[in-house]
C-alpha atoms as a PDB file:
ATOM      1  CA  UNK A   1      85.363 129.861 109.953  1.00  0.00           C
ATOM      2  CA  UNK A   2      84.167 132.536 112.323  1.00  0.00           C
ATOM      3  CA  UNK A   3      81.443 133.391 109.792  1.00  0.00           C
ATOM      4  CA  UNK A   4      79.748 130.006 110.187  1.00  0.00           C
ATOM      5  CA  UNK A   5      80.711 129.352 113.793  1.00  0.00           C
ATOM      6  CA  UNK A   6      78.067 131.474 115.545  1.00  0.00           C
ATOM      7  CA  UNK A   7      75.407 129.692 117.578  1.00  0.00           C
ATOM      8  CA  UNK A   8      71.767 129.521 116.479  1.00  0.00           C
ATOM      9  CA  UNK A   9      69.439 131.626 118.550  1.00  0.00           C
ATOM     10  CA  UNK A  10      67.013 129.568 120.541  1.00  0.00           C
ATOM     11  CA  UNK A  11      65.049 132.332 122.322  1.00  0.00           C
ATOM     12  CA  UNK A  12      61.720 133.406 120.691  1.00  0.00           C
ATOM     13  CA  UNK A  13      60.773 137.051 120.585  1.00  0.00           C
ATOM     14  CA  UNK A  14      57.903 138.095 122.848  1.00  0.00           C
ATOM     15  CA  UNK A  15      54.616 138.900 120.986  1.00  0.00           C
ATOM     16  CA  UNK A  16      53.580 142.507 120.824  1.00  0.00           C
ATOM     17  CA  UNK A  17      50.903 143.469 123.327  1.00  0.00           C
ATOM     18  CA  UNK A  18      47.433 144.078 121.899  1.00  0.00           C
ATOM     19  CA  UNK A  19      46.028 147.505 122.445  1.00  0.00           C
ATOM     20  CA  UNK A  20      43.361 147.635 125.135  1.00  0.00           C
ATOM     21  CA  UNK A  21      39.789 148.190 123.867  1.00  0.00           C
ATOM     22  CA  UNK A  22      37.545 150.443 125.894  1.00  0.00           C
ATOM     23  CA  UNK A  23      33.831 149.412 125.538  1.00  0.00           C
ATOM     24  CA  UNK A  24      32.750 152.970 126.120  1.00  0.00           C
ATOM     25  CA  UNK A  25      34.586 153.995 122.976  1.00  0.00           C
ATOM     26  CA  UNK A  26      32.347 151.590 120.990  1.00  0.00           C
ATOM     27  CA  UNK A  27      28.940 152.197 122.567  1.00  0.00           C
ATOM     28  CA  UNK A  28      29.380 155.917 122.989  1.00  0.00           C
ATOM     29  CA  UNK A  29      30.318 156.483 119.378  1.00  0.00           C
ATOM     30  CA  UNK A  30      27.836 158.997 117.977  1.00  0.00           C
ATOM     31  CA  UNK A  31      25.559 157.635 115.267  1.00  0.00           C
ATOM     32  CA  UNK A  32      25.682 159.443 112.006  1.00  0.00           C
ATOM     33  CA  UNK A  33      22.253 160.852 111.405  1.00  0.00           C
ATOM     34  CA  UNK A  34      20.918 161.399 107.954  1.00  0.00           C
ATOM     35  CA  UNK A  35      20.295 164.962 107.024  1.00  0.00           C
ATOM     36  CA  UNK A  36      16.708 166.156 106.893  1.00  0.00           C
ATOM     37  CA  UNK A  37      15.405 166.370 103.390  1.00  0.00           C
ATOM     38  CA  UNK A  38      17.589 163.631 102.056  1.00  0.00           C
ATOM     39  CA  UNK A  39      21.207 163.584 101.028  1.00  0.00           C
ATOM     40  CA  UNK A  40      22.592 164.807  97.756  1.00  0.00           C
ATOM     41  CA  UNK A  41      24.809 162.388  95.953  1.00  0.00           C
ATOM     42  CA  UNK A  42      26.483 162.649  92.585  1.00  0.00           C
ATOM     43  CA  UNK A  43      25.772 159.822  90.190  1.00  0.00           C
ATOM     44  CA  UNK A  44      27.375 158.960  86.908  1.00  0.00           C
ATOM     45  CA  UNK A  45      25.690 156.220  84.890  1.00  0.00           C
ATOM     46  CA  UNK A  46      28.721 155.453  82.728  1.00  0.00           C
ATOM     47  CA  UNK A  47      32.077 156.946  81.904  1.00  0.00           C
ATOM     48  CA  UNK A  48      30.674 159.024  79.059  1.00  0.00           C
ATOM     49  CA  UNK A  49      27.907 160.712  81.135  1.00  0.00           C
ATOM     50  CA  UNK A  50      28.329 163.852  83.125  1.00  0.00           C
ATOM     51  CA  UNK A  51      28.095 163.719  86.888  1.00  0.00           C
ATOM     52  CA  UNK A  52      24.551 164.699  87.965  1.00  0.00           C
ATOM     53  CA  UNK A  53      23.408 165.444  91.521  1.00  0.00           C
ATOM     54  CA  UNK A  54      20.516 163.346  92.917  1.00  0.00           C
ATOM     55  CA  UNK A  55      18.765 163.554  96.271  1.00  0.00           C
ATOM     56  CA  UNK A  56      18.202 160.264  98.120  1.00  0.00           C
ATOM     57  CA  UNK A  57      16.392 159.600 101.382  1.00  0.00           C
ATOM     58  CA  UNK A  58      13.105 160.860 102.810  1.00  0.00           C
ATOM     59  CA  UNK A  59      11.959 164.380 102.154  1.00  0.00           C
ATOM     60  CA  UNK A  60      12.147 166.906 104.915  1.00  0.00           C
ATOM     61  CA  UNK A  61       9.044 167.389 107.112  1.00  0.00           C
ATOM     62  CA  UNK A  62       8.158 170.784 108.402  1.00  0.00           C
ATOM     63  CA  UNK A  63       8.270 170.778 112.230  1.00  0.00           C
ATOM     64  CA  UNK A  64       5.197 172.993 112.301  1.00  0.00           C
ATOM     65  CA  UNK A  65       3.227 170.358 110.429  1.00  0.00           C
ATOM     66  CA  UNK A  66       4.206 167.745 113.013  1.00  0.00           C
ATOM     67  CA  UNK A  67       3.128 170.062 115.842  1.00  0.00           C
ATOM     68  CA  UNK A  68      -0.264 170.707 114.217  1.00  0.00           C
ATOM     69  CA  UNK A  69      -0.956 166.992 113.686  1.00  0.00           C
ATOM     70  CA  UNK A  70       0.047 166.114 117.240  1.00  0.00           C
ATOM     71  CA  UNK A  71      -2.228 168.843 118.573  1.00  0.00           C
ATOM     72  CA  UNK A  72      -5.137 167.544 116.471  1.00  0.00           C
ATOM     73  CA  UNK A  73      -4.576 163.981 117.705  1.00  0.00           C
ATOM     74  CA  UNK A  74      -4.453 165.092 121.333  1.00  0.00           C
ATOM     75  CA  UNK A  75      -7.673 167.049 120.876  1.00  0.00           C
ATOM     76  CA  UNK A  76      -9.410 164.082 119.303  1.00  0.00           C
ATOM     77  CA  UNK A  77      -8.277 161.779 122.109  1.00  0.00           C
ATOM     78  CA  UNK A  78      -9.548 164.238 124.691  1.00  0.00           C
ATOM     79  CA  UNK A  79     -12.939 164.388 122.969  1.00  0.00           C
ATOM     80  CA  UNK A  80     -13.152 160.598 122.900  1.00  0.00           C
ATOM     81  CA  UNK A  81     -12.435 160.452 126.640  1.00  0.00           C
ATOM     82  CA  UNK A  82     -15.152 162.989 127.449  1.00  0.00           C
ATOM     83  CA  UNK A  83     -17.855 161.214 125.407  1.00  0.00           C
ATOM     84  CA  UNK A  84     -20.365 159.231 127.500  1.00  0.00           C
ATOM     85  CA  UNK A  85     -20.406 155.460 127.196  1.00  0.00           C
ATOM     86  CA  UNK A  86     -23.154 154.364 124.793  1.00  0.00           C
ATOM     87  CA  UNK A  87     -24.823 150.972 125.225  1.00  0.00           C
ATOM     88  CA  UNK A  88     -27.507 149.113 123.283  1.00  0.00           C
ATOM     89  CA  UNK A  89     -30.138 150.282 125.786  1.00  0.00           C
ATOM     90  CA  UNK A  90     -29.562 153.895 124.684  1.00  0.00           C
ATOM     91  CA  UNK A  91     -30.838 153.185 121.172  1.00  0.00           C
ATOM     92  CA  UNK A  92     -34.610 153.272 121.538  1.00  0.00           C
ATOM     93  CA  UNK A  93     -37.434 154.605 119.434  1.00  0.00           C
ATOM     94  CA  UNK A  94     -37.563 157.804 121.525  1.00  0.00           C
ATOM     95  CA  UNK A  95     -33.982 158.988 121.031  1.00  0.00           C
ATOM     96  CA  UNK A  96     -33.733 158.115 117.321  1.00  0.00           C
ATOM     97  CA  UNK A  97     -34.693 161.066 115.195  1.00  0.00           C
ATOM     98  CA  UNK A  98     -36.872 160.903 112.120  1.00  0.00           C
ATOM     99  CA  UNK A  99     -34.026 162.258 110.041  1.00  0.00           C
ATOM    100  CA  UNK A 100     -31.829 159.277 111.008  1.00  0.00           C
ATOM    101  CA  UNK A 101     -34.600 156.834 110.088  1.00  0.00           C
ATOM    102  CA  UNK A 102     -35.135 158.539 106.721  1.00  0.00           C
ATOM    103  CA  UNK A 103     -31.406 158.576 105.996  1.00  0.00           C
ATOM    104  CA  UNK A 104     -31.098 154.878 106.829  1.00  0.00           C
ATOM    105  CA  UNK A 105     -34.076 154.078 104.618  1.00  0.00           C
ATOM    106  CA  UNK A 106     -32.612 156.065 101.728  1.00  0.00           C
ATOM    107  CA  UNK A 107     -29.273 154.280 102.086  1.00  0.00           C
ATOM    108  CA  UNK A 108     -31.017 150.905 102.073  1.00  0.00           C
ATOM    109  CA  UNK A 109     -33.063 151.717  98.972  1.00  0.00           C
ATOM    110  CA  UNK A 110     -30.008 152.996  97.128  1.00  0.00           C
ATOM    111  CA  UNK A 111     -28.018 149.875  98.047  1.00  0.00           C
ATOM    112  CA  UNK A 112     -30.901 147.659  96.924  1.00  0.00           C
ATOM    113  CA  UNK A 113     -31.156 149.495  93.616  1.00  0.00           C
ATOM    114  CA  UNK A 114     -27.442 149.089  92.906  1.00  0.00           C
ATOM    115  CA  UNK A 115     -27.421 145.397  93.829  1.00  0.00           C
ATOM    116  CA  UNK A 116     -30.549 144.743  91.770  1.00  0.00           C
ATOM    117  CA  UNK A 117     -29.046 146.370  88.692  1.00  0.00           C
ATOM    118  CA  UNK A 118     -25.865 144.356  89.210  1.00  0.00           C
ATOM    119  CA  UNK A 119     -27.881 141.120  89.479  1.00  0.00           C
ATOM    120  CA  UNK A 120     -29.801 141.853  86.293  1.00  0.00           C
ATOM    121  CA  UNK A 121     -26.607 142.711  84.437  1.00  0.00           C
ATOM    122  CA  UNK A 122     -24.949 139.475  85.594  1.00  0.00           C
ATOM    123  CA  UNK A 123     -27.905 137.279  84.579  1.00  0.00           C
ATOM    124  CA  UNK A 124     -28.703 138.962  81.307  1.00  0.00           C
ATOM    125  CA  UNK A 125     -28.256 136.660  78.333  1.00  0.00           C
ATOM    126  CA  UNK A 126     -27.614 138.954  75.434  1.00  0.00           C
ATOM    127  CA  UNK A 127     -27.280 136.047  72.991  1.00  0.00           C
ATOM    128  CA  UNK A 128     -31.041 135.303  73.221  1.00  0.00           C
ATOM    129  CA  UNK A 129     -33.209 137.578  71.109  1.00  0.00           C
ATOM    130  CA  UNK A 130     -36.749 138.409  72.134  1.00  0.00           C
ATOM    131  CA  UNK A 131     -39.468 136.401  70.375  1.00  0.00           C
ATOM    132  CA  UNK A 132     -41.409 138.039  67.589  1.00  0.00           C
ATOM    133  CA  UNK A 133     -45.084 138.285  68.543  1.00  0.00           C
ATOM    134  CA  UNK A 134     -46.188 138.252  64.934  1.00  0.00           C
ATOM    135  CA  UNK A 135     -47.366 134.880  63.655  1.00  0.00           C
ATOM    136  CA  UNK A 136     -47.245 133.178  67.075  1.00  0.00           C
ATOM    137  CA  UNK A 137     -50.925 132.177  66.948  1.00  0.00           C
ATOM    138  CA  UNK A 138     -50.559 130.713  63.454  1.00  0.00           C
ATOM    139  CA  UNK A 139     -47.533 128.658  64.559  1.00  0.00           C
ATOM    140  CA  UNK A 140     -49.400 127.295  67.568  1.00  0.00           C
ATOM    141  CA  UNK A 141     -52.366 126.327  65.371  1.00  0.00           C
ATOM    142  CA  UNK A 142     -50.053 124.528  62.967  1.00  0.00           C
ATOM    143  CA  UNK A 143     -48.438 122.593  65.826  1.00  0.00           C
ATOM    144  CA  UNK A 144     -51.822 121.483  67.200  1.00  0.00           C
ATOM    145  CA  UNK A 145     -52.991 120.361  63.754  1.00  0.00           C
ATOM    146  CA  UNK A 146     -49.824 118.329  63.271  1.00  0.00           C
ATOM    147  CA  UNK A 147     -50.278 116.572  66.613  1.00  0.00           C
ATOM    148  CA  UNK A 148     -53.882 115.655  65.750  1.00  0.00           C
ATOM    149  CA  UNK A 149     -52.888 114.326  62.332  1.00  0.00           C
ATOM    150  CA  UNK A 150     -50.232 112.085  63.859  1.00  0.00           C
ATOM    151  CA  UNK A 151     -52.746 110.734  66.380  1.00  0.00           C
ATOM    152  CA  UNK A 152     -55.208 109.857  63.579  1.00  0.00           C
ATOM    153  CA  UNK A 153     -52.424 108.166  61.612  1.00  0.00           C
ATOM    154  CA  UNK A 154     -51.538 105.962  64.610  1.00  0.00           C
ATOM    155  CA  UNK A 155     -55.164 104.944  65.018  1.00  0.00           C
ATOM    156  CA  UNK A 156     -55.490 104.033  61.324  1.00  0.00           C
ATOM    157  CA  UNK A 157     -52.264 102.051  61.357  1.00  0.00           C
ATOM    158  CA  UNK A 158     -52.991  98.318  61.140  1.00  0.00           C
ATOM    159  CA  UNK A 159     -49.358  97.191  61.425  1.00  0.00           C
ATOM    160  CA  UNK A 160     -50.275  94.052  59.410  1.00  0.00           C
ATOM    161  CA  UNK A 161     -52.121  92.540  62.364  1.00  0.00           C
ATOM    162  CA  UNK A 162     -55.187  90.495  61.296  1.00  0.00           C
ATOM    163  CA  UNK A 163     -58.311  90.772  63.392  1.00  0.00           C
ATOM    164  CA  UNK A 164     -59.452  87.470  64.991  1.00  0.00           C
ATOM    165  CA  UNK A 165     -63.155  86.815  64.802  1.00  0.00           C
ATOM    166  CA  UNK A 166     -65.220  85.785  67.809  1.00  0.00           C
ATOM    167  CA  UNK A 167     -66.059  82.424  66.223  1.00  0.00           C
ATOM    168  CA  UNK A 168     -62.369  81.597  65.964  1.00  0.00           C
ATOM    169  CA  UNK A 169     -61.900  82.453  69.614  1.00  0.00           C
ATOM    170  CA  UNK A 170     -64.827  80.212  70.638  1.00  0.00           C
ATOM    171  CA  UNK A 171     -63.477  77.311  68.581  1.00  0.00           C
ATOM    172  CA  UNK A 172     -60.043  77.508  70.177  1.00  0.00           C
ATOM    173  CA  UNK A 173     -61.552  77.624  73.650  1.00  0.00           C
ATOM    174  CA  UNK A 174     -63.675  74.534  72.954  1.00  0.00           C
ATOM    175  CA  UNK A 175     -60.547  72.608  71.993  1.00  0.00           C
ATOM    176  CA  UNK A 176     -58.990  73.273  75.359  1.00  0.00           C
ATOM    177  CA  UNK A 177     -61.510  71.019  77.101  1.00  0.00           C
ATOM    178  CA  UNK A 178     -62.167  70.887  80.817  1.00  0.00           C
ATOM    179  CA  UNK A 179     -59.829  70.581  83.772  1.00  0.00           C
ATOM    180  CA  UNK A 180     -58.501  67.097  84.551  1.00  0.00           C
ATOM    181  CA  UNK A 181     -60.254  65.147  87.292  1.00  0.00           C
ATOM    182  CA  UNK A 182     -57.533  63.751  89.562  1.00  0.00           C
ATOM    183  CA  UNK A 183     -59.929  61.306  91.163  1.00  0.00           C
ATOM    184  CA  UNK A 184     -60.019  59.370  87.908  1.00  0.00           C
ATOM    185  CA  UNK A 185     -56.296  58.656  87.956  1.00  0.00           C
ATOM    186  CA  UNK A 186     -55.144  55.106  88.617  1.00  0.00           C
ATOM    187  CA  UNK A 187     -52.769  56.186  91.396  1.00  0.00           C
ATOM    188  CA  UNK A 188     -55.531  58.021  93.138  1.00  0.00           C
ATOM    189  CA  UNK A 189     -57.835  54.992  93.080  1.00  0.00           C
ATOM    190  CA  UNK A 190     -55.147  52.721  94.582  1.00  0.00           C
ATOM    191  CA  UNK A 191     -54.980  54.743  97.799  1.00  0.00           C
ATOM    192  CA  UNK A 192     -56.595  52.655 100.564  1.00  0.00           C
ATOM    193  CA  UNK A 193     -58.587  54.316 103.269  1.00  0.00           C
ATOM    194  CA  UNK A 194     -57.295  54.091 106.869  1.00  0.00           C
ATOM    195  CA  UNK A 195     -59.602  52.139 109.139  1.00  0.00           C
ATOM    196  CA  UNK A 196     -61.050  53.614 112.323  1.00  0.00           C
ATOM    197  CA  UNK A 197     -59.096  51.085 114.414  1.00  0.00           C
ATOM    198  CA  UNK A 198     -55.788  52.227 112.942  1.00  0.00           C
ATOM    199  CA  UNK A 199     -56.690  55.895 113.370  1.00  0.00           C
ATOM    200  CA  UNK A 200     -57.495  55.341 117.053  1.00  0.00           C
ATOM    201  CA  UNK A 201     -54.092  53.788 117.547  1.00  0.00           C
ATOM    202  CA  UNK A 202     -52.409  56.775 115.898  1.00  0.00           C
ATOM    203  CA  UNK A 203     -54.297  59.220 118.108  1.00  0.00           C
ATOM    204  CA  UNK A 204     -53.313  57.251 121.221  1.00  0.00           C
ATOM    205  CA  UNK A 205     -49.656  57.253 120.164  1.00  0.00           C
ATOM    206  CA  UNK A 206     -49.684  61.003 119.598  1.00  0.00           C
ATOM    207  CA  UNK A 207     -51.352  61.641 122.953  1.00  0.00           C
ATOM    208  CA  UNK A 208     -49.094  59.381 125.010  1.00  0.00           C
ATOM    209  CA  UNK A 209     -45.746  59.456 123.241  1.00  0.00           C
ATOM    210  CA  UNK A 210     -45.491  62.740 121.346  1.00  0.00           C
ATOM    211  CA  UNK A 211     -47.279  65.114 123.743  1.00  0.00           C
ATOM    212  CA  UNK A 212     -44.601  66.750 125.896  1.00  0.00           C
ATOM    213  CA  UNK A 213     -46.978  68.587 128.148  1.00  0.00           C
ATOM    214  CA  UNK A 214     -46.830  67.437 131.805  1.00  0.00           C
ATOM    215  CA  UNK A 215     -50.093  67.225 133.725  1.00  0.00           C
ATOM    216  CA  UNK A 216     -50.166  69.399 136.844  1.00  0.00           C
ATOM    217  CA  UNK A 217     -50.862  66.332 138.985  1.00  0.00           C
ATOM    218  CA  UNK A 218     -47.465  64.793 138.217  1.00  0.00           C
ATOM    219  CA  UNK A 219     -44.691  65.006 140.815  1.00  0.00           C
ATOM    220  CA  UNK A 220     -41.977  67.437 139.569  1.00  0.00           C
ATOM    221  CA  UNK A 221     -39.717  67.225 142.676  1.00  0.00           C
ATOM    222  CA  UNK A 222     -40.409  70.875 143.613  1.00  0.00           C
ATOM    223  CA  UNK A 223     -40.802  71.404 147.334  1.00  0.00           C
ATOM    224  CA  UNK A 224     -43.812  73.328 148.486  1.00  0.00           C
ATOM    225  CA  UNK A 225     -43.242  76.809 150.013  1.00  0.00           C
ATOM    226  CA  UNK A 226     -45.220  77.675 153.131  1.00  0.00           C
ATOM    227  CA  UNK A 227     -46.733  81.110 153.712  1.00  0.00           C
ATOM    228  CA  UNK A 228     -44.298  82.019 156.523  1.00  0.00           C
ATOM    229  CA  UNK A 229     -41.207  81.451 154.329  1.00  0.00           C
ATOM    230  CA  UNK A 230     -42.809  83.358 151.427  1.00  0.00           C
ATOM    231  CA  UNK A 231     -43.645  86.340 153.670  1.00  0.00           C
ATOM    232  CA  UNK A 232     -40.046  86.414 154.994  1.00  0.00           C
ATOM    233  CA  UNK A 233     -38.524  86.473 151.504  1.00  0.00           C
ATOM    234  CA  UNK A 234     -40.981  89.153 150.384  1.00  0.00           C
ATOM    235  CA  UNK A 235     -39.986  91.358 153.328  1.00  0.00           C
ATOM    236  CA  UNK A 236     -36.271  90.941 152.524  1.00  0.00           C
ATOM    237  CA  UNK A 237     -36.872  91.850 148.895  1.00  0.00           C
ATOM    238  CA  UNK A 238     -38.847  94.977 149.815  1.00  0.00           C
ATOM    239  CA  UNK A 239     -36.118  96.146 152.197  1.00  0.00           C
ATOM    240  CA  UNK A 240     -33.412  95.723 149.556  1.00  0.00           C
ATOM    241  CA  UNK A 241     -35.180  96.941 146.425  1.00  0.00           C
ATOM    242  CA  UNK A 242     -38.282  98.779 147.625  1.00  0.00           C
ATOM    243  CA  UNK A 243     -41.587  99.097 145.866  1.00  0.00           C
ATOM    244  CA  UNK A 244     -40.852  99.886 142.186  1.00  0.00           C
ATOM    245  CA  UNK A 245     -44.438 101.029 141.558  1.00  0.00           C
ATOM    246  CA  UNK A 246     -44.207 103.765 144.186  1.00  0.00           C
ATOM    247  CA  UNK A 247     -40.823 104.903 142.850  1.00  0.00           C
ATOM    248  CA  UNK A 248     -42.209 105.283 139.315  1.00  0.00           C
END
C-alpha cells in the first residue's frame, strides 16, 4: 500500500529564465558584403548533370575607372561654375557669327527636306496609275459630241403633248365671261341707305359716350402747386441727387 500512498505534488516548477538579449549584439552585427566581381556558385540542373561553376552578381569595377570618372565630373562642374550667366539680351545680331547662322540655315533646310519627303511618301497613292496622254483629245471630243446629241434629242422630244392653237385659247377665254357685278345681286339692292339724321345721332353718341378723352377744362381734383413749393422741392431734389447732366 505504500506504493500508492504517496501524496500528489502540488507545487509547480519555476519556468526557466530567458536569456538576456543585448541590442548591441543585433545592431552591431557586421553585414556580409558581397565580393567584388560577383560570387561563384556551383549549379546542377538535374541529378544527371555535372556540377558547373557560375558567377552571379555585378561584375567588378576597376577603382581607377571610378577615380577617372569622378575627376572628369568634378572638372565639368568646375567649368560650369566658372561660365558667365547668359541671358536673352546677350544674343544679338552683333555677337552671332555668320558661321552659326549658316549652320542653323543648313539644319533647317535639311529638316525641311526630310519632312517633305516623309509627307510625300505618306500621301502617295500607289494604286492610282498616271493617265495616258495619248488619245485624251479624242476622248474629250467624243464626250462633247455626246452631250450635244443628248441636248438635241431632248429638244426634239414631243412627249406626246399636243400643241394648242391660239384660236383654241381665245375660244376658251371667251367662255369665261366677265367678272360678276355684285351691285346687281338682290341682297345688295335690299340694303337701305342711312339717313343724314340717323348718321348725326351716331356721331353725337360716339363723341359724347364713347370718347374717353377728358377736356383740360374739367375739374380732375388735382390741387394746384404754387411756385414757392415747386422751387423748394426742386432744391431738395438737387441736394439729394445732383444734376445728372453735369455728372454725365
